[in-house]
Amino acid sequence: MPARDTVLQIVPRPPGTFDGVGDYALNLARTLSASHGIGTTFLVAEKNRVTSSDDYPVIFGLNSARCSELARGHEHVILHYVNYGYQARGIPFALVPMVRELRHNCRGRFLTIFHELYASAPPWKSAFWLQPLQKRIARTIAKLSSACLVSSESMRGQLGSLASGTETFVYPVPSNFGEPDLSPDQFGQRDPHRWAICGGTALIERSLKSFREIRERIPEEISPRQLSVLGGSDSSAVRGLLRLPGIDTDYRPRLTPVDASEILSTSSFVWLDYFHQPGVPGDVLLKSGAFAAACAHGAVPVLPHRYSAISLEEDPLPGPFFIEPSFSELPDDDARAKIAVRFYDWYQRHASSHHLARGIARALELSHES
C-alpha cells in the first residue's frame, strides 16, 4: 500500500551497509511501508555519503540547526540508540540537546529503540568508569521519549531502574538474514551434520575460536561435517581459524540476506559465542541478530556456556543448549526436528519483522494494517 505517514529514523550508520542497527532500521522501514503505509526518512549520524538501499531518503550528519525543520517534516521520530554508535567512548552528550529539540517540535510520538543502554566492564576498562555517564545519558533520553522499546524483559528491568515510569515495550531483535516461510516437514529433512556460524566479524571470530575447542565433544550423530560461516567483513583472522580437519568449511563474508537465508535454511545447528562475561541473563540473547537468524530458520542455537532459560509472555523457548568443558545439553537427532519447529514457531509469534512493525505502529498510533 502507498505510504500515508512518514517517520524520521535516526541511525548511527547508513542502512544497507552490513551494519546490524542499520539493517534492523532498513528492514523495519520496509515492513512499516508494506504493511502499515508508513514511510521512512533516515537521518544518519555519519557524514560519509553511502547510498542506502531501497532508495529511501537519507540525510547525513546530525545538525542541531535542522532539528525543528526535520521534526516538522515528519509525523513521528524513531531514535535507534546505541551509545557507542554515536560517540567513540559511548558518551554521546551532543545527542541529548538534539533529542530535546526534536521532541519539542515533534507533532506526534518520539520512540527510542534502545539497542544498548550502557556498557559493563571490569575496573581496568574505561567503560567501567564511564558507565555513570552512559547511564545518565540513557536516562535523559528515555525520559524525553514518548515511549521506549527494548529487546528483552531483562533490558526492560534495567531501563526501569534508570528511568522509572517510562512506557516501555519488549520486542526481540528480528533476523537480518531473512525470514523464510518453512513447513514442518522441511526441518526433518535437514542433514544433522550441517552447522553454521553467522553474525558480524567480531562475533564470528569469537565463535570460531570456541568452536575449535569444543567440536570434538559433539556427539557423532550430530557432529559437524559441514560448517558455513556467514556475514561480517572478509577477515584474514577468520580465514586462519577455518582450518578444521574433517570439516568442509564455506566462508561467505558480506553476503546478501537472500544467500544467507538459503544456507541457513539447510543448517541444523548454529554455534554462537555471544556472551562476553558470565552471569548475564539468557534473554539478553534476544538482542542478537545471529540468534534471531538461527530461530527464524529453525536452526538450533548452541552456545559454549550454560545460560538461563528464555521465555516471553510465559511462552518458553526450548533449551538452553550448550557445550561446556564438563557438561553439555544437546538434542539428539531424533528430537532435533521437533525442537527446530518450536524455535521457528516461537520466532514467528514473538520476534519476526512483522511482529515488530505491528508493535511499533501501535506505539506510534499509526497502525493502518487492514
Protein backbone atom coordinates (compact mmCIF):
# COMPACT_ATOMS: atom_id res chain seq x y z
CA MET A 1 0.00 0.00 0.00
CA PRO A 2 1.27 3.57 -0.57
CA ALA A 3 2.86 5.31 2.42
CA ARG A 4 0.49 7.78 4.12
CA ASP A 5 2.66 8.94 7.03
CA THR A 6 6.40 9.39 7.41
CA VAL A 7 8.73 8.76 10.33
CA LEU A 8 12.27 10.03 10.76
CA GLN A 9 14.53 7.12 11.75
CA ILE A 10 17.82 8.22 13.34
CA VAL A 11 20.68 5.71 12.96
CA PRO A 12 24.45 5.83 13.60
CA ARG A 13 25.47 4.46 10.18
CA PRO A 14 23.75 4.17 6.80
CA PRO A 15 21.20 1.37 6.41
CA GLY A 16 22.00 -1.35 3.94
CA THR A 17 25.76 -1.27 4.61
CA PHE A 18 26.12 -4.53 6.59
CA ASP A 19 25.67 -2.71 9.89
CA GLY A 20 23.44 -4.52 12.40
CA VAL A 21 21.48 -1.49 13.63
CA GLY A 22 21.27 -0.02 10.13
CA ASP A 23 19.96 -3.30 8.72
CA TYR A 24 17.42 -3.50 11.56
CA ALA A 25 16.21 0.01 10.69
CA LEU A 26 16.07 -0.74 6.97
CA ASN A 27 14.06 -3.93 7.46
CA LEU A 28 11.75 -2.02 9.79
CA ALA A 29 11.27 0.68 7.15
CA ARG A 30 10.37 -1.92 4.53
CA THR A 31 7.79 -3.63 6.75
CA LEU A 32 6.28 -0.38 8.05
CA SER A 33 5.78 0.73 4.45
CA ALA A 34 4.47 -2.56 3.09
CA SER A 35 2.13 -3.48 5.96
CA HIS A 36 1.20 -0.18 7.60
CA GLY A 37 1.54 2.55 4.98
CA ILE A 38 4.27 4.34 6.94
CA GLY A 39 7.17 5.86 5.02
CA THR A 40 10.68 6.47 6.37
CA THR A 41 13.40 9.10 6.03
CA PHE A 42 16.77 8.16 7.52
CA LEU A 43 18.88 10.65 9.47
CA VAL A 44 22.40 9.18 9.63
CA ALA A 45 24.95 10.35 12.20
CA GLU A 46 27.90 9.53 9.94
CA LYS A 47 28.71 12.16 7.34
CA ASN A 48 30.02 9.66 4.79
CA ARG A 49 27.54 9.64 1.95
CA VAL A 50 26.97 5.95 1.34
CA THR A 51 23.96 5.19 -0.81
CA SER A 52 21.18 3.40 1.07
CA SER A 53 19.24 0.52 -0.42
CA ASP A 54 15.63 0.76 -1.49
CA ASP A 55 16.01 4.46 -2.36
CA TYR A 56 14.74 5.77 0.97
CA PRO A 57 15.53 9.46 1.52
CA VAL A 58 18.73 9.78 3.55
CA ILE A 59 20.05 12.85 5.40
CA PHE A 60 23.69 12.67 6.52
CA GLY A 61 25.15 14.31 9.63
CA LEU A 62 23.44 15.29 12.89
CA ASN A 63 22.87 19.02 12.65
CA SER A 64 21.10 20.64 15.59
CA ALA A 65 20.19 23.65 13.45
CA ARG A 66 17.92 21.44 11.34
CA CYS A 67 16.08 19.76 14.23
CA SER A 68 13.00 21.96 14.07
CA GLU A 69 12.71 21.57 10.30
CA LEU A 70 13.17 17.80 10.46
CA ALA A 71 10.63 17.37 13.25
CA ARG A 72 8.03 19.45 11.44
CA GLY A 73 8.61 17.49 8.22
CA HIS A 74 7.78 14.11 9.76
CA GLU A 75 4.87 12.87 11.78
CA HIS A 76 6.97 10.84 14.25
CA VAL A 77 10.61 10.20 15.16
CA ILE A 78 12.32 6.86 15.91
CA LEU A 79 15.78 7.06 17.51
CA HIS A 80 17.90 3.92 17.32
CA TYR A 81 20.05 4.34 20.43
CA VAL A 82 23.38 2.54 20.62
CA ASN A 83 25.70 4.69 22.69
CA TYR A 84 28.98 3.65 21.04
CA GLY A 85 27.42 4.22 17.64
CA TYR A 86 27.11 7.95 18.27
CA GLN A 87 30.34 8.55 20.23
CA ALA A 88 33.56 6.53 20.35
CA ARG A 89 33.58 6.21 24.16
CA GLY A 90 29.85 5.63 24.49
CA ILE A 91 29.00 9.04 25.96
CA PRO A 92 27.09 10.89 23.20
CA PHE A 93 26.31 14.08 25.15
CA ALA A 94 25.83 16.00 21.89
CA LEU A 95 22.86 13.79 21.08
CA VAL A 96 20.86 14.94 24.11
CA PRO A 97 20.10 18.54 23.02
CA MET A 98 19.17 17.27 19.56
CA VAL A 99 16.73 14.78 21.07
CA ARG A 100 15.29 17.51 23.27
CA GLU A 101 14.79 19.81 20.27
CA LEU A 102 13.30 17.08 18.09
CA ARG A 103 10.96 16.01 20.87
CA HIS A 104 9.83 19.57 21.46
CA ASN A 105 8.97 20.09 17.78
CA CYS A 106 7.67 16.59 17.01
CA ARG A 107 4.00 16.60 16.01
CA GLY A 108 3.46 13.01 17.08
CA ARG A 109 5.40 10.43 19.08
CA PHE A 110 9.13 10.16 19.77
CA LEU A 111 10.06 6.49 20.10
CA THR A 112 13.53 5.38 21.25
CA ILE A 113 14.66 1.86 20.42
CA PHE A 114 17.41 1.02 22.91
CA HIS A 115 19.76 -1.43 21.20
CA GLU A 116 22.11 -0.74 24.13
CA LEU A 117 21.76 1.10 27.43
CA TYR A 118 25.27 1.23 28.85
CA ALA A 119 28.43 -0.88 28.93
CA SER A 120 29.57 -3.22 31.70
CA ALA A 121 33.28 -3.83 32.19
CA PRO A 122 35.91 -4.63 34.86
CA PRO A 123 37.67 -1.72 36.61
CA TRP A 124 40.69 -1.83 34.29
CA LYS A 125 38.47 -0.94 31.32
CA SER A 126 37.45 2.65 30.59
CA ALA A 127 33.80 1.61 30.22
CA PHE A 128 33.71 0.84 33.95
CA TRP A 129 34.49 4.47 34.81
CA LEU A 130 32.30 5.89 32.06
CA GLN A 131 29.26 3.82 32.98
CA PRO A 132 27.71 6.50 35.27
CA LEU A 133 27.84 8.98 32.38
CA GLN A 134 26.42 6.42 29.98
CA LYS A 135 23.57 5.74 32.40
CA ARG A 136 22.87 9.46 32.78
CA ILE A 137 22.55 9.92 29.00
CA ALA A 138 20.34 6.84 28.61
CA ARG A 139 18.11 8.05 31.47
CA THR A 140 17.76 11.50 29.94
CA ILE A 141 16.86 10.16 26.51
CA ALA A 142 14.36 7.69 27.99
CA LYS A 143 12.67 10.47 29.96
CA LEU A 144 12.45 12.63 26.84
CA SER A 145 10.86 9.82 24.79
CA SER A 146 7.14 9.24 24.38
CA ALA A 147 7.85 5.51 24.64
CA CYS A 148 10.83 3.16 24.58
CA LEU A 149 11.43 -0.24 23.04
CA VAL A 150 13.89 -2.88 24.28
CA SER A 151 14.63 -6.46 23.22
CA SER A 152 14.14 -8.39 26.49
CA GLU A 153 12.49 -8.33 29.89
CA SER A 154 15.96 -8.09 31.48
CA MET A 155 16.64 -4.94 29.50
CA ARG A 156 13.24 -3.53 30.44
CA GLY A 157 14.18 -4.04 34.09
CA GLN A 158 17.48 -2.21 33.57
CA LEU A 159 15.73 0.69 31.88
CA GLY A 160 13.08 0.80 34.59
CA SER A 161 15.78 1.15 37.25
CA LEU A 162 17.24 4.07 35.30
CA ALA A 163 14.03 5.85 34.32
CA SER A 164 11.04 4.63 36.29
CA GLY A 165 7.62 5.29 34.83
CA THR A 166 8.80 5.16 31.22
CA GLU A 167 6.37 3.46 28.83
CA THR A 168 8.43 0.51 27.58
CA PHE A 169 7.67 -2.28 25.11
CA VAL A 170 9.60 -5.53 24.61
CA TYR A 171 10.26 -6.77 21.06
CA PRO A 172 13.19 -9.10 20.32
CA VAL A 173 15.56 -8.19 17.50
CA PRO A 174 14.41 -9.82 14.22
CA SER A 175 16.64 -11.67 11.78
CA ASN A 176 18.67 -9.58 9.32
CA PHE A 177 19.39 -12.76 7.34
CA GLY A 178 15.88 -13.39 6.07
CA GLU A 179 12.63 -14.89 7.39
CA PRO A 180 11.72 -17.82 5.14
CA ASP A 181 8.31 -19.47 5.07
CA LEU A 182 9.11 -23.06 6.09
CA SER A 183 6.92 -26.14 6.52
CA PRO A 184 7.34 -28.55 9.47
CA ASP A 185 8.44 -31.35 7.09
CA GLN A 186 11.41 -29.28 5.94
CA PHE A 187 13.13 -29.45 9.33
CA GLY A 188 13.18 -33.24 9.41
CA GLN A 189 14.88 -33.40 6.00
CA ARG A 190 17.99 -31.49 7.06
CA ASP A 191 21.39 -33.07 7.42
CA PRO A 192 22.16 -33.08 11.19
CA HIS A 193 25.86 -32.66 10.38
CA ARG A 194 25.37 -29.22 8.78
CA TRP A 195 26.34 -26.42 11.18
CA ALA A 196 26.64 -22.65 10.72
CA ILE A 197 28.18 -19.60 12.39
CA CYS A 198 26.80 -16.19 11.48
CA GLY A 199 26.89 -12.55 12.56
CA GLY A 200 29.37 -9.68 12.49
CA THR A 201 33.13 -10.09 12.14
CA ALA A 202 33.98 -9.99 15.86
CA LEU A 203 31.21 -12.44 16.78
CA ILE A 204 32.25 -14.83 14.02
CA GLU A 205 35.89 -14.79 15.11
CA ARG A 206 34.99 -15.37 18.78
CA SER A 207 32.56 -18.14 17.85
CA LEU A 208 35.09 -19.89 15.62
CA LYS A 209 37.71 -19.86 18.39
CA SER A 210 35.38 -21.56 20.87
CA PHE A 211 34.00 -23.90 18.18
CA ARG A 212 37.52 -25.21 17.55
CA GLU A 213 37.85 -26.01 21.26
CA ILE A 214 34.58 -27.95 21.62
CA ARG A 215 33.98 -29.63 18.28
CA GLU A 216 35.42 -32.95 19.46
CA ARG A 217 32.82 -33.02 22.26
CA ILE A 218 29.84 -33.00 19.90
CA PRO A 219 28.15 -36.45 19.68
CA GLU A 220 28.85 -38.34 16.47
CA GLU A 221 25.20 -38.46 15.37
CA ILE A 222 25.15 -34.62 15.04
CA SER A 223 28.88 -33.89 14.74
CA PRO A 224 29.72 -31.14 12.22
CA ARG A 225 30.90 -32.27 8.78
CA GLN A 226 29.98 -29.04 7.02
CA LEU A 227 30.35 -25.58 8.55
CA SER A 228 29.04 -22.42 6.85
CA VAL A 229 30.43 -19.12 8.16
CA LEU A 230 28.18 -16.25 7.11
CA GLY A 231 28.46 -12.48 7.42
CA GLY A 232 30.86 -9.83 8.63
CA SER A 233 33.71 -8.40 6.60
CA ASP A 234 36.36 -10.54 4.93
CA SER A 235 38.87 -11.31 7.68
CA SER A 236 42.28 -12.98 7.48
CA ALA A 237 41.90 -13.98 11.16
CA VAL A 238 38.65 -15.77 10.36
CA ARG A 239 40.20 -17.49 7.34
CA GLY A 240 43.04 -18.73 9.54
CA LEU A 241 40.58 -20.23 12.01
CA LEU A 242 38.76 -22.13 9.27
CA ARG A 243 41.43 -24.83 9.07
CA LEU A 244 39.32 -27.59 10.64
CA PRO A 245 40.39 -31.13 9.74
CA GLY A 246 37.46 -33.35 8.81
CA ILE A 247 35.06 -30.42 8.33
CA ASP A 248 34.18 -28.90 4.97
CA THR A 249 34.06 -25.11 5.56
CA ASP A 250 32.36 -22.46 3.46
CA TYR A 251 33.17 -18.81 4.30
CA ARG A 252 30.78 -16.15 2.93
CA PRO A 253 31.56 -12.63 4.22
CA ARG A 254 29.33 -9.73 3.18
CA LEU A 255 26.78 -11.98 1.54
CA THR A 256 23.22 -10.88 0.79
CA PRO A 257 20.35 -11.79 3.16
CA VAL A 258 18.86 -13.94 0.39
CA ASP A 259 22.02 -16.02 0.07
CA ALA A 260 22.44 -16.27 3.85
CA SER A 261 18.84 -17.39 4.24
CA GLU A 262 19.26 -20.10 1.63
CA ILE A 263 22.23 -21.57 3.52
CA LEU A 264 20.67 -21.25 6.98
CA SER A 265 17.54 -22.98 5.69
CA THR A 266 19.61 -26.14 5.25
CA SER A 267 21.57 -25.86 8.53
CA SER A 268 20.65 -27.92 11.58
CA PHE A 269 22.66 -26.06 14.23
CA VAL A 270 24.12 -22.56 14.71
CA TRP A 271 27.12 -22.16 17.03
CA LEU A 272 27.02 -18.80 18.81
CA ASP A 273 29.58 -17.44 21.32
CA TYR A 274 27.59 -14.34 22.26
CA PHE A 275 28.18 -13.58 25.94
CA HIS A 276 31.33 -11.62 26.84
CA GLN A 277 31.05 -12.44 30.55
CA PRO A 278 29.33 -15.00 32.81
CA GLY A 279 26.15 -14.36 34.75
CA VAL A 280 24.32 -12.46 32.00
CA PRO A 281 20.58 -13.31 31.81
CA GLY A 282 19.83 -15.67 28.95
CA ASP A 283 17.20 -13.42 27.42
CA VAL A 284 19.91 -10.91 26.51
CA LEU A 285 20.31 -13.23 23.50
CA LEU A 286 17.12 -11.65 22.17
CA LYS A 287 19.12 -8.61 21.10
CA SER A 288 21.37 -10.79 18.93
CA GLY A 289 20.62 -10.77 15.21
CA ALA A 290 22.58 -14.02 14.87
CA PHE A 291 20.40 -15.74 17.47
CA ALA A 292 17.31 -14.36 15.71
CA ALA A 293 18.59 -15.68 12.37
CA ALA A 294 19.00 -19.17 13.84
CA CYS A 295 15.46 -19.14 15.26
CA ALA A 296 13.96 -17.68 12.05
CA HIS A 297 15.41 -20.60 10.07
CA GLY A 298 14.75 -23.34 12.60
CA ALA A 299 18.45 -23.98 13.16
CA VAL A 300 19.03 -24.93 16.80
CA PRO A 301 21.32 -22.36 18.52
CA VAL A 302 24.12 -23.86 20.65
CA LEU A 303 26.37 -21.81 22.97
CA PRO A 304 29.66 -22.54 24.78
CA HIS A 305 28.14 -21.71 28.18
CA ARG A 306 25.04 -22.72 30.08
CA TYR A 307 22.54 -19.83 30.10
CA SER A 308 19.22 -19.28 31.80
CA ALA A 309 16.03 -20.33 30.03
CA ILE A 310 14.37 -17.76 27.77
CA SER A 311 10.66 -17.01 27.92
CA LEU A 312 8.49 -14.15 26.71
CA GLU A 313 4.86 -13.66 27.76
CA GLU A 314 5.08 -17.03 29.56
CA ASP A 315 5.96 -18.70 26.23
CA PRO A 316 9.31 -20.51 26.68
CA LEU A 317 11.92 -21.28 24.05
CA PRO A 318 13.41 -24.79 24.01
CA GLY A 319 16.76 -25.32 25.66
CA PRO A 320 19.08 -23.93 26.68
CA PHE A 321 21.53 -25.94 24.56
CA PHE A 322 25.23 -25.60 25.26
CA ILE A 323 28.60 -27.36 25.37
CA GLU A 324 30.82 -26.70 28.40
CA PRO A 325 34.10 -28.46 29.29
CA SER A 326 32.44 -30.66 31.91
CA PHE A 327 28.84 -30.85 30.76
CA SER A 328 26.66 -30.31 27.71
CA GLU A 329 22.99 -30.28 26.79
CA LEU A 330 22.19 -31.05 23.14
CA PRO A 331 19.20 -32.52 21.33
CA ASP A 332 19.77 -35.87 19.68
CA ASP A 333 18.93 -36.24 16.01
CA ASP A 334 15.52 -37.78 16.74
CA ALA A 335 14.43 -34.76 18.79
CA ARG A 336 16.17 -32.09 16.69
CA ALA A 337 13.44 -31.58 14.07
CA LYS A 338 10.67 -31.09 16.64
CA ILE A 339 12.84 -28.67 18.61
CA ALA A 340 13.67 -26.77 15.42
CA VAL A 341 9.95 -26.33 14.72
CA ARG A 342 9.46 -24.91 18.22
CA PHE A 343 12.23 -22.36 17.70
CA TYR A 344 10.77 -21.38 14.33
CA ASP A 345 7.19 -21.05 15.60
CA TRP A 346 8.29 -19.06 18.68
CA TYR A 347 10.14 -16.65 16.40
CA GLN A 348 7.03 -16.10 14.29
CA ARG A 349 4.97 -15.35 17.41
CA HIS A 350 7.40 -13.01 19.14
CA ALA A 351 10.34 -11.85 17.04
CA SER A 352 9.51 -11.56 13.34
CA SER A 353 9.87 -8.27 11.49
CA HIS A 354 6.08 -8.16 11.01
CA HIS A 355 5.53 -8.62 14.76
CA LEU A 356 7.99 -5.78 15.43
CA ALA A 357 6.42 -3.46 12.85
CA ARG A 358 2.92 -4.07 14.25
CA GLY A 359 4.16 -3.18 17.71
CA ILE A 360 5.88 -0.03 16.56
CA ALA A 361 2.88 1.04 14.51
CA ARG A 362 0.75 0.67 17.64
CA ALA A 363 3.30 2.57 19.70
CA LEU A 364 3.18 5.37 17.14
CA GLU A 365 -0.61 5.15 16.99
CA LEU A 366 -0.31 4.78 13.25
CA SER A 367 -1.50 1.25 12.51
CA HIS A 368 -3.10 1.17 9.03
CA GLU A 369 -2.93 -2.58 8.63
CA SER A 370 -6.08 -3.91 7.03
